[in-house]
Amino acid sequence: MATNSQIPVLRELRLNWRTGAILLCGCLFFALLLQILATELVSQEVITVIVVAAIFFLLLGYGSARSRALAESPKWYIFTVWGLLLASEEIFSYIDDAGSSFQSQFAFAAYAQAAVWMLVALALLVFLARDPGMLKGMFSGSFKWPALFAVVATLSVAYAPQAAFSLAWAFKLCLVVVIVYVCSRQMRGVDDVTAFMLASIAAYVFLVAAPSIRSMMPDPTGTYGANEFETRMREGPTGLSAAAGTFALLALTVYRPGKRRFLLLLSIAGLAVMIIAGGKAAIVAGILSGILFFGMQKRVGATLGFIGGIMAIVLFAMLFTPLSVYMSAYTQSGQVTSLTGRTALWQFVWPAIRQAIVQGHGYVASRFVSVAMPDTPFKAGHMHNGFLEALYNNGLIGLALIFMLHVVIVRNLYRTITKVDNSSPAYRLAIGSMAIYANLFINGMFNATFSGRCNAPFMMLIALVVISERLRQEIPQTPPALRRIPSASPVFQL
């Protein structure tokens, strides 16, 4: 016989599943209407959107029902929204040519990806409808820096070379900023920070697995692998290595000896993909960040074990994968001293940066730098440096905001690490977050990890702002009676 205390829980479960079903039906109707109105749409992408929407809203319904049943805050609902948006870039695989994009000739997969963003926005609006005041305070504290950057980026769309392209990415940037802030309002303790990281890990499983699987499948064009430089993984080896490194560090951060042992296996798998994919800067960043993670904990044995594990993976990759062929061709190509042509790119674009040094050329204008200047080295689609990316797109204004974003992350994490007891869960989370930040930062020196299109690396950097702020709140407060009162005048000092 059910007790009175059980009855409300069951009602809440039915209510949440009913709400999820309504949202799912609305999503299916929207996809069907889209297909009817645009008969030229590729059916495979439409079906993918429908399947993603169905899975997404089922997860939302389950997360909401679970939170209600356990009398918890609706954190899993909004964390699921965050996870889908984080993984959305790998749902559809396509290459956007700068020339075609400049002429507004976008691949249909790009429209399908934007449709997923709209699904996320719809789920966010449903969440905010229950508490519209949840966004209050977004432009205060540490989070004002990413929020202000999103505002500046959106305003700069007005003078961007391709307004439609910039507006789409500015929409995603604003969506990310709002969702991260809403997630921060659900982080009421260290356990909630861990839950947020687990949701991020789930997204990164897809971000790493999807391109890895596609790379192992036969090349549909039959053109990849024509030279020694095309012996790495076919699907964006640089980005894949970087994502795998971040994934490994996230898993190590949340892992606890004796608990969640699968995370240790995921971390090892991430390190293996990081090395086999062959992203040079990402490999260096991942190794240094891993050493930082164990070194800051003063775990000498674990540090040596990490280095030994990396050496074993490198040996395996050199013996049993084409990585050795690529590395040999790269060292003989003469591109080592120029960082694969990056230094030439930076010198080439500097005059263009100076032309609009204050306001920049518009958000993600760097995507079309090779269109504006046909002599751009290797037809680069971004600045291959996060700070130069901010400077080219949004000038000194954007650079200052991005710089402050980095400052608050380092400041918050440093204060947490130095003032929290090393037995506290917040201590390990802070060290892990510092290692993740170091990984993103090093990668950002050679790629547009931040400041440009708001893909997974930039999203994680924004997330570190709220993670670091929440961990800083774990610093024990000194009782007023024990605080040292400074002398009124140097005369009284001994």
Foldseek 3Di string as FASTA:
>chain_A
DDDPVVVVLVVQLVVLVVVLVVLLVVQVVVLVVVCVVDVPQDVVLSVLLNVVLNVLSVQLSVLSSVCSNVVADSLSNLLSLLLCLQQLVLSDDDDFDLVCVLVVNGDSNVVSSLVSVVSSVVSVVVVCVVPVCLCPPCCDDLNVLLVVLLVLQCVLLVQFSRNVVSNSLSVSSNSLSSSLSSSLVRPPDPVSLLVSLVSNLVSLVSVQPSQVVVQPDDDPVPPAPPDLQRQARNRPLQVNLLSLLLSLLSLVLSDDVVPPVVSNVSNLVSLLSNPRNPNVLLNVLSLVLVLLLCVLLVNVVVSVVSVVSSVVSNVCSCVPGSNVSNVVCVVVVPCVVCVNVLVVQCVVCVVVLVVPQAAARHAQSLQNPCVVPVVRPPSDRANQAQLVRQSRHGHPVSSVSVVSLLVLLVVLLVLLCVQPDCVDSLNSNSSSLVSSSSSLNSSNGGHNLANHRCHNSNSVSSSSNSSSVNSSVPRDDDPPVPDDDDDPDPVPPD
